[in-house]
């Protein structure tokens, strides 16, 4: 989720459309405006970059269409150096379900780096956004992306051989940051509700949740008291707006898609989940909510690994918005590598 320093020219440009398209009913400054006639504006604060942008990391990058009807596509990152088959990491970008893209420059750089240094093949999914496509649209896209991989593996599609031949199909991981982590979790729960042979020849080995975007009606301590810098990637008001725009109409923040622990760990006990790694940022407003989720998972008997990154905030690994971002990102990549190779 990105709230990068706003160029005032963008605000001026957006203001020009105010009367043309109606009255603004929801907005997150610099990221999204929703008008009363349904028109949505998303200024290009973070540039989209083509897959051909040079990367000096020995990684081949290509975009692949998954489903034309819903415009579902993915960007693949395939390291060229490591020998042998690689784990497949299906990744979902952040953005409060409302903004963001697999083509955003910040994700392009981070995921190329992750693929190279963690020794994995990454499929970065570009899912549909709210409010035009409210939840569960993003979950459906995530599930369909995994099913597409399964079908390519079963069919031995020759046009996908360039990445499929490098893939260890028995080592599948779901991952994402912020809203993308929420998607990864919900796709994992959907896959876990099927019988054990459903995914074959794929095998889901783990889920990596980076600063997972969860919420709830009752505020946590970090939501109420964390002092956020001006360039914070997530504020409490922005979080509330994202949920209003993405949850089904008529629901609140205790909906299970927003608050998976609203009813304690009772439901969690019944879920079939793979080992889960949760990455938490120390100064993130989501810190306490992420810790609550981890406690509930542990109480439900789930296999869990929790890592807390000190003195950095939400989305530091993609925004590089503090002096500690780079060393903490290196730590995160090292932790992810250890998790997928253990």
Protein backbone atom coordinates (compact mmCIF):
# COMPACT_ATOMS: atom_id res chain seq x y z
CA UNK A 1 0.00 0.00 0.00
CA UNK A 2 1.61 3.20 -1.06
CA UNK A 3 1.10 6.74 0.17
CA UNK A 4 4.13 8.33 -1.40
CA UNK A 5 4.90 12.04 -1.09
CA UNK A 6 2.16 13.73 -3.06
CA UNK A 7 2.99 15.92 -6.02
CA UNK A 8 0.64 18.93 -5.60
CA UNK A 9 0.23 19.08 -9.37
CA UNK A 10 -1.65 15.79 -9.18
CA UNK A 11 -4.15 17.24 -6.69
CA UNK A 12 -4.66 20.22 -8.98
CA UNK A 13 -5.15 17.96 -11.97
CA UNK A 14 -7.65 15.81 -10.09
CA UNK A 15 -9.56 18.87 -8.92
CA UNK A 16 -10.23 19.84 -12.52
CA UNK A 17 -12.44 16.76 -12.87
CA UNK A 18 -14.50 17.45 -9.74
CA UNK A 19 -17.53 19.05 -11.40
CA UNK A 20 -17.27 17.06 -14.60
CA UNK A 21 -17.69 13.74 -12.82
CA UNK A 22 -19.84 14.74 -9.85
CA UNK A 23 -19.15 14.98 -6.13
CA UNK A 24 -16.36 13.09 -4.37
CA UNK A 25 -17.85 10.66 -1.85
CA UNK A 26 -14.68 8.78 -0.82
CA UNK A 27 -11.01 9.64 -1.20
CA UNK A 28 -7.52 8.87 -0.01
CA UNK A 29 -5.46 11.88 -0.95
CA UNK A 30 -3.16 11.22 -3.88
CA UNK A 31 -4.29 7.61 -4.32
CA UNK A 32 -7.97 7.35 -5.13
CA UNK A 33 -11.14 9.43 -5.53
CA UNK A 34 -14.59 7.91 -5.87
CA UNK A 35 -17.44 10.06 -7.20
CA UNK A 36 -21.14 9.78 -6.52
CA UNK A 37 -21.77 8.65 -10.09
CA UNK A 38 -19.39 5.70 -9.65
CA UNK A 39 -16.46 7.26 -11.50
CA UNK A 40 -13.08 6.30 -9.96
CA UNK A 41 -9.77 8.16 -10.35
CA UNK A 42 -6.38 6.74 -9.44
CA UNK A 43 -3.51 9.20 -10.05
CA UNK A 44 -0.23 7.65 -11.14
CA UNK A 45 1.76 8.34 -7.97
CA UNK A 46 3.69 5.13 -8.49
CA UNK A 47 4.64 4.59 -12.14
CA UNK A 48 3.81 1.37 -13.96
CA UNK A 49 6.82 -0.13 -15.69
CA UNK A 50 6.89 -2.69 -18.51
CA UNK A 51 8.36 -6.12 -17.92
CA UNK A 52 11.17 -5.14 -20.28
CA UNK A 53 12.65 -2.63 -17.81
CA UNK A 54 16.28 -3.64 -17.33
CA UNK A 55 17.11 -5.57 -14.18
CA UNK A 56 20.73 -6.29 -13.37
CA UNK A 57 19.86 -9.33 -11.29
CA UNK A 58 19.93 -12.21 -13.75
CA UNK A 59 16.13 -12.48 -13.73
CA UNK A 60 13.93 -13.04 -16.79
CA UNK A 61 10.64 -11.12 -16.55
CA UNK A 62 7.55 -11.59 -18.73
CA UNK A 63 3.84 -10.76 -18.53
CA UNK A 64 1.31 -13.52 -19.16
CA UNK A 65 -2.46 -13.24 -19.70
CA UNK A 66 -4.36 -15.66 -17.47
CA UNK A 67 -7.96 -14.77 -18.28
CA UNK A 68 -8.97 -12.25 -20.93
CA UNK A 69 -12.57 -11.83 -19.75
CA UNK A 70 -11.58 -10.43 -16.34
CA UNK A 71 -8.27 -8.96 -17.56
CA UNK A 72 -6.43 -11.20 -15.11
CA UNK A 73 -2.70 -11.34 -15.80
CA UNK A 74 0.56 -12.01 -14.00
CA UNK A 75 4.18 -10.94 -14.18
CA UNK A 76 6.68 -13.79 -13.90
CA UNK A 77 10.20 -13.46 -12.43
CA UNK A 78 12.48 -16.37 -13.29
CA UNK A 79 16.07 -16.41 -11.96
CA UNK A 80 18.50 -17.56 -14.62
CA UNK A 81 21.42 -18.63 -12.45
CA UNK A 82 20.27 -21.23 -9.89
CA UNK A 83 20.41 -24.80 -11.14
CA UNK A 84 17.55 -27.22 -10.65
CA UNK A 85 13.85 -26.70 -10.02
CA UNK A 86 12.71 -23.64 -8.08
CA UNK A 87 9.88 -23.13 -5.57
CA UNK A 88 6.94 -21.20 -7.02
CA UNK A 89 5.86 -18.11 -5.07
CA UNK A 90 2.43 -16.76 -6.12
CA UNK A 91 2.50 -13.13 -4.96
CA UNK A 92 -0.28 -10.56 -4.45
CA UNK A 93 0.55 -6.85 -4.29
CA UNK A 94 -0.78 -4.45 -1.65
CA UNK A 95 -2.98 -1.40 -2.02
CA UNK A 96 -6.01 -1.81 0.24
CA UNK A 97 -7.73 -3.84 -2.51
CA UNK A 98 -8.34 -0.49 -4.23
CA UNK A 99 -5.03 0.62 -5.76
CA UNK A 100 -1.78 -0.95 -6.92
CA UNK A 101 -0.58 -3.12 -9.76
CA UNK A 102 1.80 -5.94 -10.51
CA UNK A 103 3.39 -3.41 -12.88
CA UNK A 104 4.11 -0.81 -10.17
CA UNK A 105 7.81 0.05 -10.23
CA UNK A 106 8.23 -0.58 -6.50
CA UNK A 107 6.94 -4.16 -6.81
CA UNK A 108 8.90 -4.76 -9.99
CA UNK A 109 12.15 -3.98 -8.19
CA UNK A 110 11.32 -5.78 -4.93
CA UNK A 111 10.10 -9.00 -6.55
CA UNK A 112 13.00 -9.21 -8.98
CA UNK A 113 15.33 -8.86 -5.99
CA UNK A 114 13.36 -11.45 -4.02
CA UNK A 115 13.37 -13.97 -6.88
CA UNK A 116 17.11 -13.56 -7.36
CA UNK A 117 18.19 -13.66 -3.70
CA UNK A 118 15.63 -16.10 -2.30
CA UNK A 119 16.06 -18.51 -5.22
CA UNK A 120 12.41 -18.78 -6.22
CA UNK A 121 10.22 -18.32 -9.27
CA UNK A 122 7.62 -15.59 -8.66
CA UNK A 123 4.22 -15.16 -10.28
CA UNK A 124 2.95 -11.67 -9.37
CA UNK A 125 -0.83 -11.58 -9.90
CA UNK A 126 -2.61 -8.47 -11.15
CA UNK A 127 -6.09 -8.91 -9.66
CA UNK A 128 -9.25 -6.77 -10.02
CA UNK A 129 -9.60 -3.73 -7.77
CA UNK A 130 -12.40 -2.32 -5.61
CA UNK A 131 -14.72 -0.46 -5.52
CA UNK A 132 -15.51 -1.48 -9.11
CA UNK A 133 -14.91 -5.10 -8.06
CA UNK A 134 -15.58 -5.56 -4.35
CA UNK A 135 -14.46 -8.60 -2.41
CA UNK A 136 -14.48 -11.51 -3.07
CA UNK A 137 -13.36 -10.53 -6.62
CA UNK A 138 -9.68 -10.34 -5.58
CA UNK A 139 -9.94 -13.71 -3.82
CA UNK A 140 -11.58 -15.24 -6.89
CA UNK A 141 -8.76 -13.90 -9.06
CA UNK A 142 -6.15 -15.30 -6.68
CA UNK A 143 -7.81 -18.71 -6.65
CA UNK A 144 -8.20 -18.69 -10.44
CA UNK A 145 -4.52 -17.79 -10.85
CA UNK A 146 -3.52 -20.87 -8.84
CA UNK A 147 -5.97 -23.02 -10.83
CA UNK A 148 -4.43 -21.68 -14.04
CA UNK A 149 -0.98 -22.80 -12.86
CA UNK A 150 -2.43 -26.23 -12.08
CA UNK A 151 -3.95 -26.50 -15.55
CA UNK A 152 -0.74 -25.40 -17.26
CA UNK A 153 1.13 -28.08 -15.33
CA UNK A 154 -1.42 -30.77 -16.23
CA UNK A 155 -1.54 -29.77 -19.90
CA UNK A 156 2.19 -29.25 -20.29
CA UNK A 157 1.54 -26.05 -22.23
CA UNK A 158 4.50 -25.49 -24.55
CA UNK A 159 4.09 -21.68 -24.57
CA UNK A 160 4.61 -21.66 -20.80
CA UNK A 161 7.59 -24.01 -20.82
CA UNK A 162 10.04 -21.13 -20.31
CA UNK A 163 8.95 -20.86 -16.67
CA UNK A 164 7.11 -24.14 -16.08
CA UNK A 165 10.21 -26.22 -16.79
CA UNK A 166 12.04 -24.38 -13.99
CA UNK A 167 9.24 -24.93 -11.48
CA UNK A 168 9.11 -27.36 -8.56
CA UNK A 169 5.35 -27.98 -8.62
CA UNK A 170 5.45 -29.72 -5.25
CA UNK A 171 6.76 -26.54 -3.62
CA UNK A 172 4.04 -23.87 -3.99
CA UNK A 173 3.86 -20.85 -1.69
CA UNK A 174 1.26 -18.08 -1.49
CA UNK A 175 2.56 -14.66 -0.46
CA UNK A 176 1.68 -11.00 -0.44
CA UNK A 177 1.97 -7.77 1.47
CA UNK A 178 -0.82 -5.77 3.12
CA UNK A 179 -4.05 -6.40 1.16
CA UNK A 180 -2.06 -8.93 -0.86
CA UNK A 181 -1.29 -10.85 2.34
CA UNK A 182 -5.01 -10.84 3.13
CA UNK A 183 -5.64 -12.30 -0.34
CA UNK A 184 -2.93 -14.95 0.15
CA UNK A 185 -4.50 -15.99 3.46
CA UNK A 186 -8.04 -16.20 2.06
CA UNK A 187 -6.92 -18.10 -1.04
CA UNK A 188 -5.07 -20.53 1.25
CA UNK A 189 -8.21 -21.07 3.34
CA UNK A 190 -10.22 -21.75 0.17
CA UNK A 191 -7.64 -24.24 -1.09
CA UNK A 192 -7.53 -25.87 2.34
CA UNK A 193 -11.26 -26.52 2.25
CA UNK A 194 -10.76 -28.90 -0.69
CA UNK A 195 -9.57 -32.50 -0.47
CA UNK A 196 -5.85 -33.15 -0.42
CA UNK A 197 -5.71 -34.30 -4.05
CA UNK A 198 -7.47 -31.20 -5.42
CA UNK A 199 -4.27 -29.24 -6.17
CA UNK A 200 -2.26 -32.06 -7.74
CA UNK A 201 0.30 -31.87 -9.26
CA UNK A 202 0.77 -28.73 -7.12
CA UNK A 203 1.38 -28.93 -3.40
CA UNK A 204 0.86 -25.90 -1.14
CA UNK A 205 3.82 -25.80 1.26
CA UNK A 206 3.33 -22.47 3.01
CA UNK A 207 1.90 -18.97 3.16
CA UNK A 208 3.92 -15.77 3.67
CA UNK A 209 1.90 -12.84 5.04
CA UNK A 210 3.78 -9.53 5.02
CA UNK A 211 2.05 -6.88 7.19
CA UNK A 212 -1.34 -8.52 6.53
CA UNK A 213 -4.17 -6.01 6.09
CA UNK A 214 -6.79 -7.04 8.63
CA UNK A 215 -9.21 -4.84 10.55
CA UNK A 216 -12.03 -4.80 13.05
CA UNK A 217 -14.63 -2.54 14.62
CA UNK A 218 -12.81 -2.33 17.96
CA UNK A 219 -9.56 -0.38 17.70
CA UNK A 220 -6.23 -1.85 18.79
CA UNK A 221 -3.54 -0.01 20.72
CA UNK A 222 -1.30 0.46 17.69
CA UNK A 223 -4.23 1.76 15.64
CA UNK A 224 -5.06 4.32 18.29
CA UNK A 225 -1.62 5.35 19.46
CA UNK A 226 1.01 4.74 16.77
CA UNK A 227 2.33 8.10 15.59
CA UNK A 228 2.74 7.90 11.83
CA UNK A 229 5.16 10.05 9.80
CA UNK A 230 3.74 12.26 7.01
CA UNK A 231 4.79 9.74 4.35
CA UNK A 232 3.26 6.76 6.15
CA UNK A 233 2.01 4.05 3.81
CA UNK A 234 -1.10 3.47 5.92
CA UNK A 235 -3.10 5.70 8.27
CA UNK A 236 -6.18 4.76 10.25
CA UNK A 237 -8.47 6.94 8.13
CA UNK A 238 -7.03 5.44 4.91
CA UNK A 239 -7.53 1.94 6.33
CA UNK A 240 -11.19 2.67 7.11
CA UNK A 241 -11.73 4.06 3.61
CA UNK A 242 -10.18 1.02 1.96
CA UNK A 243 -12.50 -1.27 3.92
CA UNK A 244 -15.60 0.80 3.08
CA UNK A 245 -14.68 0.57 -0.60
CA UNK A 246 -13.74 -3.10 -0.69
CA UNK A 247 -16.03 -5.03 1.67
CA UNK A 248 -19.46 -6.18 0.45
CA UNK A 249 -22.10 -3.46 0.80
CA UNK A 250 -23.89 -3.51 4.14
CA UNK A 251 -21.09 -5.22 6.08
CA UNK A 252 -18.69 -3.80 8.67
CA UNK A 253 -15.07 -4.37 9.67
CA UNK A 254 -15.95 -7.47 11.70
CA UNK A 255 -16.73 -9.32 8.48
CA UNK A 256 -14.48 -12.42 8.46
CA UNK A 257 -12.67 -11.21 5.31
CA UNK A 258 -11.55 -8.18 7.32
CA UNK A 259 -11.39 -9.64 10.81
CA UNK A 260 -10.55 -13.36 10.71
CA UNK A 261 -10.43 -13.54 14.52
CA UNK A 262 -13.72 -11.72 15.23
CA UNK A 263 -15.14 -14.93 16.73
CA UNK A 264 -11.94 -16.05 18.40
CA UNK A 265 -10.00 -19.04 17.12
CA UNK A 266 -12.98 -21.42 16.89
CA UNK A 267 -13.21 -21.23 13.11
CA UNK A 268 -9.43 -21.17 12.73
CA UNK A 269 -9.24 -24.63 14.31
CA UNK A 270 -11.32 -26.10 11.50
CA UNK A 271 -9.21 -24.60 8.71
CA UNK A 272 -6.64 -26.70 6.90
CA UNK A 273 -3.72 -24.30 6.58
CA UNK A 274 -0.10 -24.85 5.58
CA UNK A 275 2.77 -23.45 7.70
CA UNK A 276 2.43 -19.67 7.84
CA UNK A 277 5.06 -16.96 8.16
CA UNK A 278 3.84 -13.54 9.34
CA UNK A 279 6.09 -10.50 8.87
CA UNK A 280 5.19 -7.60 11.17
CA UNK A 281 6.50 -4.03 11.11
CA UNK A 282 7.25 -2.49 14.50
CA UNK A 283 5.80 0.99 13.81
CA UNK A 284 2.91 -0.17 11.61
CA UNK A 285 -0.61 0.69 12.81
CA UNK A 286 -1.42 -2.96 12.01
CA UNK A 287 1.18 -4.29 14.45
CA UNK A 288 -1.22 -5.20 17.28
CA UNK A 289 -3.82 -6.61 14.91
CA UNK A 290 -1.16 -8.77 13.26
CA UNK A 291 -0.02 -9.98 16.68
CA UNK A 292 -3.64 -10.80 17.62
CA UNK A 293 -3.92 -12.86 14.45
CA UNK A 294 -0.70 -14.72 15.28
CA UNK A 295 -1.92 -15.45 18.81
CA UNK A 296 -5.20 -16.82 17.47
CA UNK A 297 -3.37 -18.95 14.91
CA UNK A 298 -1.07 -20.36 17.59
CA UNK A 299 -4.02 -21.06 19.92
CA UNK A 300 -5.72 -22.89 17.05
CA UNK A 301 -2.69 -25.14 16.75
CA UNK A 302 -1.45 -23.81 13.42
CA UNK A 303 2.21 -23.99 12.42
CA UNK A 304 3.37 -20.40 12.63
CA UNK A 305 6.55 -18.35 12.32
CA UNK A 306 6.45 -14.69 13.35
CA UNK A 307 9.10 -12.09 12.51
CA UNK A 308 9.03 -8.47 13.72
CA UNK A 309 11.07 -5.83 11.89
CA UNK A 310 12.21 -3.10 14.25
CA UNK A 311 11.80 0.65 13.67
CA UNK A 312 10.14 0.40 10.25
CA UNK A 313 6.56 0.95 9.14
CA UNK A 314 4.01 -0.41 6.72
CA UNK A 315 5.29 -1.46 3.28
CA UNK A 316 8.89 -0.44 4.02
CA UNK A 317 10.15 -3.25 1.76
CA UNK A 318 8.58 -1.75 -1.36
CA UNK A 319 8.53 1.98 -0.54
CA UNK A 320 12.03 2.22 0.96
CA UNK A 321 10.69 5.16 3.00
CA UNK A 322 13.14 5.13 5.91
CA UNK A 323 16.88 4.87 6.51
CA UNK A 324 16.40 1.34 7.84
CA UNK A 325 14.33 0.12 4.89
CA UNK A 326 17.21 -1.40 2.93
CA UNK A 327 18.81 -3.41 5.77
CA UNK A 328 15.37 -4.56 7.00
CA UNK A 329 14.42 -5.59 3.45
CA UNK A 330 17.60 -7.67 3.23
CA UNK A 331 16.60 -9.33 6.52
CA UNK A 332 13.11 -10.03 5.18
CA UNK A 333 14.41 -11.60 1.98
CA UNK A 334 16.75 -13.76 4.05
CA UNK A 335 13.87 -14.86 6.29
CA UNK A 336 11.67 -15.68 3.27
CA UNK A 337 14.49 -17.68 1.68
CA UNK A 338 14.89 -19.71 4.89
CA UNK A 339 11.13 -20.32 5.11
CA UNK A 340 10.73 -21.61 1.55
CA UNK A 341 13.84 -23.81 1.64
CA UNK A 342 13.41 -25.40 5.07
